[in-house]
């Protein structure tokens, strides 16, 4: 009897490794850092003396997220 060799073992099929250069990742990392910094500012500090936007619209918009993250606001 002959053996059926059409079934490949999982060890024989390996995905090629793809390396992504740091030069391609750096702009996305900087963008993520700026976006995260803005988010933390608006959730945590957008009120009072450091307010960039007058009124309480931003404060009320992020009010529940502020409490969820542990920022006091009252």
Foldseek 3Di string as FASTA:
>chain_A
DDDDPPDDDPVVDDDDDDDDDVVVVVVVVVVVVVVVVVVCCLLAPCDDPPHPDDDCPSCVVNVVVNVVVPHDDD
